[in-house]
């Protein structure tokens, strides 16, 4: 017996997400066509957020939203999207993207049966806790969206998933791309041996330990950690500068290493940690980062790769990446479109996504296949 749909599916891609949502829509159409459901030419809803010459904006939805199960995909950090203001081409900031998201929800006007926002990298996710007289922007954003009628929010590798405590009575799912990262590593480096004798997981700081512990558990690897010694007497670029990274863990001599973190911003911390790992005798260094922002460009990464400090950097396509990044020999993209389509399809069928959130079984199947492939190569 086929499981019924929660409601008619509607997918909205915010500005800058066009290529991503086209791929998601492709998978949804194929699955519905082969699954016996009435497939449509497209599940994408036509929307736009035009701007006046002053920079003010509005949202327009060109189709009915009444009774729809709406999924809005929004890349808050897409600086490649622009708009015209006073004749100037202005790159969209996270604030601009968030304002457009609220405009779309307002344009729906409460007519949808359910609204789910898929925000891969949380707006103001790094402003997740209050240390003094400062704003708590991420919590305010979550509460604001719930107040506007959003039922569920799905994000990926939240900087601190405890931010969900800001909306304890609403849906909040934090997804980690563990399976996709592991699969991409095996494809990019077919000779990699993933066991305790040949590989270790390294956390670049104490904040990344939880996600590193998951990788360590499902892959059966030992774990090491660096902790950041900061100078709390001064503030540079909005944060206390790091004076040194100190290592805690087992010997790295001759082992491949995976450094796991949620994002690469400037890359300063990553490259410092990678350099120290290399000095400790590591063989190859791979970095898994869900979001590759590369806010200070690629020059230091090019130099570090040329100097043999690291081998590959893996980031997802969940946020915008400058086209120049794809020319780098050290970069590997991890495509998440099919995974996002799975999540949307499952929720639209009003089914549980627990198995999608915990891919331990799929990782084990992947590892067993990889071990067999390595045995054939010998």
Protein backbone atom coordinates (compact mmCIF):
# COMPACT_ATOMS: atom_id res chain seq x y z
CA UNK A 1 0.00 0.00 0.00
CA UNK A 2 1.41 3.38 -1.00
CA UNK A 3 1.84 5.90 1.77
CA UNK A 4 -0.24 9.01 1.20
CA UNK A 5 1.22 12.49 0.96
CA UNK A 6 0.91 15.01 3.78
CA UNK A 7 -0.16 17.60 1.19
CA UNK A 8 0.65 18.67 -2.35
CA UNK A 9 4.40 19.32 -2.53
CA UNK A 10 5.84 22.74 -3.31
CA UNK A 11 9.58 23.55 -3.29
CA UNK A 12 10.79 27.16 -3.26
CA UNK A 13 14.41 27.99 -4.02
CA UNK A 14 15.52 31.40 -2.78
CA UNK A 15 17.77 33.62 -4.89
CA UNK A 16 21.13 31.97 -5.57
CA UNK A 17 19.82 28.43 -5.01
CA UNK A 18 18.55 27.90 -8.55
CA UNK A 19 21.08 25.24 -9.61
CA UNK A 20 20.77 23.37 -6.31
CA UNK A 21 16.96 23.23 -6.32
CA UNK A 22 16.91 22.18 -9.99
CA UNK A 23 18.85 19.05 -9.02
CA UNK A 24 16.59 18.44 -6.01
CA UNK A 25 13.54 18.81 -8.26
CA UNK A 26 15.01 16.30 -10.74
CA UNK A 27 15.29 13.58 -8.08
CA UNK A 28 11.79 14.28 -6.74
CA UNK A 29 10.26 14.02 -10.23
CA UNK A 30 12.10 10.76 -10.96
CA UNK A 31 11.11 9.12 -7.69
CA UNK A 32 7.47 10.16 -7.97
CA UNK A 33 7.31 8.94 -11.58
CA UNK A 34 8.75 5.51 -10.72
CA UNK A 35 6.94 5.29 -7.38
CA UNK A 36 3.46 5.34 -8.87
CA UNK A 37 2.60 8.87 -7.75
CA UNK A 38 1.44 11.45 -10.25
CA UNK A 39 4.65 13.25 -11.12
CA UNK A 40 4.58 16.86 -12.27
CA UNK A 41 6.71 18.71 -14.76
CA UNK A 42 8.25 20.41 -11.75
CA UNK A 43 7.69 20.73 -8.00
CA UNK A 44 9.34 24.15 -7.99
CA UNK A 45 7.19 27.19 -7.27
CA UNK A 46 7.86 30.37 -9.22
CA UNK A 47 8.79 33.23 -6.87
CA UNK A 48 10.83 36.41 -7.07
CA UNK A 49 12.07 39.10 -4.72
CA UNK A 50 12.48 42.27 -6.81
CA UNK A 51 14.09 45.43 -5.48
CA UNK A 52 13.22 49.07 -5.89
CA UNK A 53 15.98 51.48 -6.88
CA UNK A 54 16.35 52.49 -3.22
CA UNK A 55 17.22 48.90 -2.25
CA UNK A 56 13.84 48.15 -0.68
CA UNK A 57 12.35 44.81 -1.65
CA UNK A 58 9.20 42.73 -1.81
CA UNK A 59 8.25 39.11 -2.54
CA UNK A 60 6.00 37.81 -5.29
CA UNK A 61 4.62 34.26 -5.56
CA UNK A 62 3.16 33.39 -8.94
CA UNK A 63 1.24 30.24 -7.93
CA UNK A 64 -1.33 29.32 -5.29
CA UNK A 65 0.04 28.17 -1.93
CA UNK A 66 -3.28 27.13 -0.44
CA UNK A 67 -3.03 23.73 1.27
CA UNK A 68 0.54 23.13 0.06
CA UNK A 69 3.37 21.37 1.91
CA UNK A 70 6.01 24.05 1.30
CA UNK A 71 9.78 23.53 1.55
CA UNK A 72 11.86 26.71 1.25
CA UNK A 73 15.58 26.24 0.53
CA UNK A 74 17.64 29.27 1.46
CA UNK A 75 21.42 29.79 1.20
CA UNK A 76 21.93 32.68 3.60
CA UNK A 77 25.63 32.97 2.71
CA UNK A 78 25.35 33.29 -1.08
CA UNK A 79 27.36 36.42 -1.81
CA UNK A 80 27.24 35.55 -5.54
CA UNK A 81 23.62 36.75 -5.65
CA UNK A 82 23.29 40.49 -6.24
CA UNK A 83 20.71 43.27 -6.61
CA UNK A 84 20.68 46.83 -7.96
CA UNK A 85 20.59 49.77 -5.54
CA UNK A 86 21.00 53.33 -6.81
CA UNK A 87 22.54 51.97 -9.99
CA UNK A 88 25.15 49.88 -8.14
CA UNK A 89 25.45 46.08 -8.21
CA UNK A 90 25.30 45.05 -4.53
CA UNK A 91 26.22 41.53 -3.31
CA UNK A 92 23.57 40.09 -1.02
CA UNK A 93 24.56 39.83 2.62
CA UNK A 94 23.17 37.24 5.07
CA UNK A 95 20.83 39.99 6.32
CA UNK A 96 19.51 40.54 2.77
CA UNK A 97 18.87 36.83 2.24
CA UNK A 98 17.13 36.51 5.60
CA UNK A 99 14.91 39.51 4.85
CA UNK A 100 13.89 37.93 1.52
CA UNK A 101 13.12 34.64 3.27
CA UNK A 102 10.73 36.45 5.62
CA UNK A 103 9.17 38.24 2.65
CA UNK A 104 8.41 34.91 0.95
CA UNK A 105 6.85 33.52 4.14
CA UNK A 106 4.80 36.71 4.46
CA UNK A 107 3.67 36.41 0.83
CA UNK A 108 2.41 32.85 1.52
CA UNK A 109 0.09 34.60 3.95
CA UNK A 110 -0.74 31.61 6.13
CA UNK A 111 -2.37 29.74 3.21
CA UNK A 112 0.08 26.79 3.16
CA UNK A 113 -0.73 23.69 5.16
CA UNK A 114 2.85 23.46 6.44
CA UNK A 115 6.07 25.42 5.92
CA UNK A 116 9.52 23.85 6.34
CA UNK A 117 12.63 25.99 5.96
CA UNK A 118 15.83 24.24 4.85
CA UNK A 119 18.61 26.61 5.86
CA UNK A 120 21.86 24.63 5.39
CA UNK A 121 24.03 27.07 7.33
CA UNK A 122 22.16 28.86 10.10
CA UNK A 123 21.78 32.61 9.87
CA UNK A 124 24.02 34.07 12.62
CA UNK A 125 24.82 30.50 13.70
CA UNK A 126 28.13 31.62 15.22
CA UNK A 127 26.28 34.17 17.35
CA UNK A 128 24.66 31.38 19.33
CA UNK A 129 25.47 32.31 22.92
CA UNK A 130 25.64 35.47 24.99
CA UNK A 131 28.85 36.27 26.87
CA UNK A 132 28.16 39.89 27.81
CA UNK A 133 25.84 42.70 26.66
CA UNK A 134 25.45 41.39 23.12
CA UNK A 135 22.71 40.21 20.82
CA UNK A 136 21.66 36.56 20.51
CA UNK A 137 20.87 36.73 16.81
CA UNK A 138 20.47 33.03 15.95
CA UNK A 139 17.91 32.43 18.71
CA UNK A 140 15.97 35.53 17.68
CA UNK A 141 15.91 34.31 14.06
CA UNK A 142 14.52 30.90 15.05
CA UNK A 143 11.81 32.41 17.21
CA UNK A 144 10.91 34.91 14.51
CA UNK A 145 10.45 32.18 11.87
CA UNK A 146 8.29 30.08 14.21
CA UNK A 147 6.17 33.15 15.00
CA UNK A 148 5.67 33.64 11.23
CA UNK A 149 4.30 30.10 10.86
CA UNK A 150 7.32 27.88 10.10
CA UNK A 151 6.67 24.37 11.45
CA UNK A 152 10.10 22.80 10.89
CA UNK A 153 13.62 24.09 10.35
CA UNK A 154 16.25 21.78 8.88
CA UNK A 155 19.90 22.76 9.04
CA UNK A 156 23.24 21.05 8.47
CA UNK A 157 26.06 20.74 10.99
CA UNK A 158 24.92 23.60 13.24
CA UNK A 159 27.81 25.42 14.89
CA UNK A 160 26.09 24.64 18.20
CA UNK A 161 22.96 22.44 17.89
CA UNK A 162 21.88 23.49 21.39
CA UNK A 163 20.52 26.64 19.76
CA UNK A 164 17.39 24.52 19.15
CA UNK A 165 16.55 25.21 22.82
CA UNK A 166 15.36 28.63 21.62
CA UNK A 167 12.33 26.91 20.00
CA UNK A 168 11.70 23.84 22.19
CA UNK A 169 8.13 23.29 20.92
CA UNK A 170 8.94 23.44 17.21
CA UNK A 171 10.70 21.13 14.77
CA UNK A 172 14.47 21.53 14.48
CA UNK A 173 16.62 18.90 12.76
CA UNK A 174 20.40 19.14 12.58
CA UNK A 175 21.75 16.95 9.77
CA UNK A 176 25.40 15.92 9.38
CA UNK A 177 26.88 14.83 6.05
CA UNK A 178 29.00 12.03 7.54
CA UNK A 179 28.05 9.42 4.94
CA UNK A 180 28.47 11.77 1.97
CA UNK A 181 31.88 12.98 3.18
CA UNK A 182 33.15 9.44 3.70
CA UNK A 183 31.87 8.36 0.29
CA UNK A 184 33.54 11.36 -1.38
CA UNK A 185 36.87 10.54 0.32
CA UNK A 186 36.79 6.94 -0.92
CA UNK A 187 35.99 8.08 -4.46
CA UNK A 188 38.66 10.80 -4.53
CA UNK A 189 41.36 8.70 -2.82
CA UNK A 190 40.65 5.03 -3.74
CA UNK A 191 43.74 3.70 -1.94
CA UNK A 192 42.85 5.22 1.44
CA UNK A 193 42.80 2.68 4.29
CA UNK A 194 40.28 3.53 6.99
CA UNK A 195 41.31 1.70 10.15
CA UNK A 196 43.09 2.45 13.44
CA UNK A 197 46.51 1.43 12.13
CA UNK A 198 46.42 3.79 9.14
CA UNK A 199 44.17 6.74 10.02
CA UNK A 200 43.07 9.10 12.81
CA UNK A 201 40.33 11.68 13.25
CA UNK A 202 41.49 15.07 14.54
CA UNK A 203 39.33 17.78 16.08
CA UNK A 204 40.79 21.26 15.39
CA UNK A 205 39.30 22.62 18.62
CA UNK A 206 37.14 21.60 21.57
CA UNK A 207 33.97 22.85 19.84
CA UNK A 208 34.30 20.27 17.06
CA UNK A 209 34.73 17.27 19.36
CA UNK A 210 31.12 16.06 19.19
CA UNK A 211 31.07 15.72 15.39
CA UNK A 212 34.57 14.17 15.46
CA UNK A 213 33.44 11.62 18.04
CA UNK A 214 30.66 10.52 15.68
CA UNK A 215 33.12 10.04 12.81
CA UNK A 216 35.45 8.19 15.19
CA UNK A 217 32.63 5.89 16.31
CA UNK A 218 31.15 4.96 12.91
CA UNK A 219 34.55 4.61 11.19
CA UNK A 220 36.24 2.82 14.10
CA UNK A 221 39.13 5.30 14.37
CA UNK A 222 41.07 6.85 17.24
CA UNK A 223 40.61 10.55 17.87
CA UNK A 224 42.95 13.41 18.77
CA UNK A 225 42.25 17.06 19.57
CA UNK A 226 43.78 20.50 19.40
CA UNK A 227 42.63 23.21 21.76
CA UNK A 228 42.93 26.92 21.09
CA UNK A 229 44.87 29.10 23.49
CA UNK A 230 43.40 32.57 22.98
CA UNK A 231 44.41 36.02 24.16
CA UNK A 232 41.30 37.22 25.95
CA UNK A 233 42.79 40.64 26.71
CA UNK A 234 42.27 41.96 23.16
CA UNK A 235 39.70 41.70 20.35
CA UNK A 236 40.70 41.54 16.66
CA UNK A 237 38.04 41.42 13.92
CA UNK A 238 35.36 40.72 16.50
CA UNK A 239 37.10 37.82 18.25
CA UNK A 240 39.93 37.04 20.66
CA UNK A 241 43.00 36.10 18.61
CA UNK A 242 44.44 32.57 18.83
CA UNK A 243 47.97 32.46 20.24
CA UNK A 244 48.60 28.73 19.78
CA UNK A 245 47.04 25.33 19.07
CA UNK A 246 48.00 22.62 21.59
CA UNK A 247 47.68 18.90 20.66
CA UNK A 248 46.21 16.15 22.81
CA UNK A 249 46.25 12.63 21.40
CA UNK A 250 48.21 9.63 20.17
CA UNK A 251 51.22 9.46 17.86
CA UNK A 252 50.46 10.54 14.27
CA UNK A 253 53.61 9.19 12.64
CA UNK A 254 52.89 7.64 9.23
CA UNK A 255 49.10 7.89 9.52
CA UNK A 256 46.55 9.56 7.28
CA UNK A 257 44.54 12.19 9.16
CA UNK A 258 41.04 13.59 8.72
CA UNK A 259 40.45 17.02 10.27
CA UNK A 260 36.70 17.51 10.82
CA UNK A 261 35.00 20.87 11.36
CA UNK A 262 31.71 22.55 10.51
CA UNK A 263 33.18 25.34 8.37
CA UNK A 264 36.26 26.89 6.84
CA UNK A 265 36.15 30.67 7.20
CA UNK A 266 39.54 32.32 6.69
CA UNK A 267 41.31 28.95 7.06
CA UNK A 268 43.93 30.29 9.46
CA UNK A 269 43.13 27.76 12.21
CA UNK A 270 42.86 24.83 9.79
CA UNK A 271 46.22 25.48 8.17
CA UNK A 272 47.95 26.01 11.53
CA UNK A 273 46.55 22.69 12.79
CA UNK A 274 47.46 20.92 9.53
CA UNK A 275 51.01 22.27 9.75
CA UNK A 276 51.41 20.95 13.30
CA UNK A 277 49.98 17.57 12.28
CA UNK A 278 52.47 17.39 9.41
CA UNK A 279 55.32 18.23 11.79
CA UNK A 280 54.23 15.26 13.91
CA UNK A 281 54.83 12.92 10.97
CA UNK A 282 51.34 12.51 9.47
CA UNK A 283 51.29 10.95 6.01
CA UNK A 284 48.33 12.61 4.25
CA UNK A 285 45.94 15.23 5.62
CA UNK A 286 42.31 15.50 4.51
CA UNK A 287 39.87 18.11 5.76
CA UNK A 288 36.09 17.61 6.03
CA UNK A 289 34.23 20.91 6.37
CA UNK A 290 30.50 21.09 5.70
CA UNK A 291 30.73 24.73 4.63
CA UNK A 292 33.63 26.20 2.68
CA UNK A 293 33.40 30.00 3.00
CA UNK A 294 37.05 30.86 2.21
CA UNK A 295 36.47 34.45 3.30
CA UNK A 296 40.10 35.51 2.74
CA UNK A 297 40.55 33.85 -0.64
CA UNK A 298 42.63 30.85 -1.70
CA UNK A 299 46.22 32.08 -1.76
CA UNK A 300 47.28 30.61 1.57
CA UNK A 301 45.58 27.28 0.70
CA UNK A 302 47.40 27.13 -2.64
CA UNK A 303 50.72 27.70 -0.89
CA UNK A 304 50.02 25.15 1.86
CA UNK A 305 49.02 22.52 -0.69
CA UNK A 306 52.11 23.23 -2.79
CA UNK A 307 54.25 22.88 0.36
CA UNK A 308 52.64 19.49 1.09
CA UNK A 309 50.84 20.63 4.27
CA UNK A 310 47.52 19.07 3.27
CA UNK A 311 46.20 16.89 0.43
CA UNK A 312 42.48 17.48 -0.05
CA UNK A 313 39.68 19.68 1.29
CA UNK A 314 36.12 18.36 1.09
CA UNK A 315 33.17 20.76 1.40
CA UNK A 316 29.51 20.41 0.43
CA UNK A 317 27.54 22.33 -2.19
CA UNK A 318 25.07 23.48 0.48
CA UNK A 319 26.42 27.04 0.31
CA UNK A 320 27.69 29.14 -2.57
CA UNK A 321 31.27 28.63 -3.69
CA UNK A 322 33.21 30.99 -5.92
CA UNK A 323 33.76 29.41 -9.40
CA UNK A 324 37.53 29.79 -8.90
CA UNK A 325 37.39 27.15 -6.16
CA UNK A 326 36.54 24.45 -8.69
CA UNK A 327 39.86 25.03 -10.46
CA UNK A 328 41.87 24.09 -7.38
CA UNK A 329 43.52 20.63 -7.46
CA UNK A 330 43.08 20.29 -3.72
CA UNK A 331 39.29 20.84 -3.70
CA UNK A 332 36.60 18.11 -3.76
CA UNK A 333 32.88 18.95 -3.87
CA UNK A 334 30.45 16.80 -1.88
CA UNK A 335 27.06 16.98 -3.62
CA UNK A 336 24.14 17.04 -1.16
CA UNK A 337 21.24 17.54 -3.61
CA UNK A 338 20.07 13.92 -3.56
CA UNK A 339 20.21 13.81 0.25
CA UNK A 340 18.12 16.99 0.53
CA UNK A 341 15.64 15.51 -1.96
CA UNK A 342 15.40 12.37 0.22
CA UNK A 343 14.60 14.51 3.26
CA UNK A 344 11.92 16.48 1.40
CA UNK A 345 10.35 13.36 -0.10
CA UNK A 346 10.28 11.53 3.24
CA UNK A 347 8.73 14.44 5.13
CA UNK A 348 6.19 15.06 2.37
CA UNK A 349 5.09 11.45 2.89
CA UNK A 350 4.80 12.34 6.60
CA UNK A 351 7.36 9.66 7.44
CA UNK A 352 10.24 9.69 9.91
CA UNK A 353 13.68 10.91 8.85
CA UNK A 354 15.47 9.23 11.76
CA UNK A 355 17.34 6.81 9.49
CA UNK A 356 18.45 9.69 7.26
CA UNK A 357 19.78 11.57 10.29
CA UNK A 358 21.75 8.55 11.53
CA UNK A 359 23.52 6.92 8.55
CA UNK A 360 25.57 4.41 10.57
CA UNK A 361 24.20 1.40 8.65
CA UNK A 362 24.87 2.97 5.24
CA UNK A 363 28.40 3.90 6.31
CA UNK A 364 29.08 0.32 7.39
CA UNK A 365 27.88 -1.01 4.02
CA UNK A 366 30.11 1.55 2.30
CA UNK A 367 33.11 0.54 4.42
CA UNK A 368 32.58 -3.18 3.76
CA UNK A 369 32.48 -2.54 0.01
CA UNK A 370 35.63 -0.40 0.21
CA UNK A 371 37.53 -3.12 2.09
CA UNK A 372 36.59 -5.63 -0.60
CA UNK A 373 37.69 -3.21 -3.35
CA UNK A 374 41.07 -2.72 -1.61
CA UNK A 375 41.52 -6.49 -1.37
CA UNK A 376 40.94 -6.83 -5.13
CA UNK A 377 43.61 -4.19 -5.85
CA UNK A 378 46.30 -6.13 -3.99
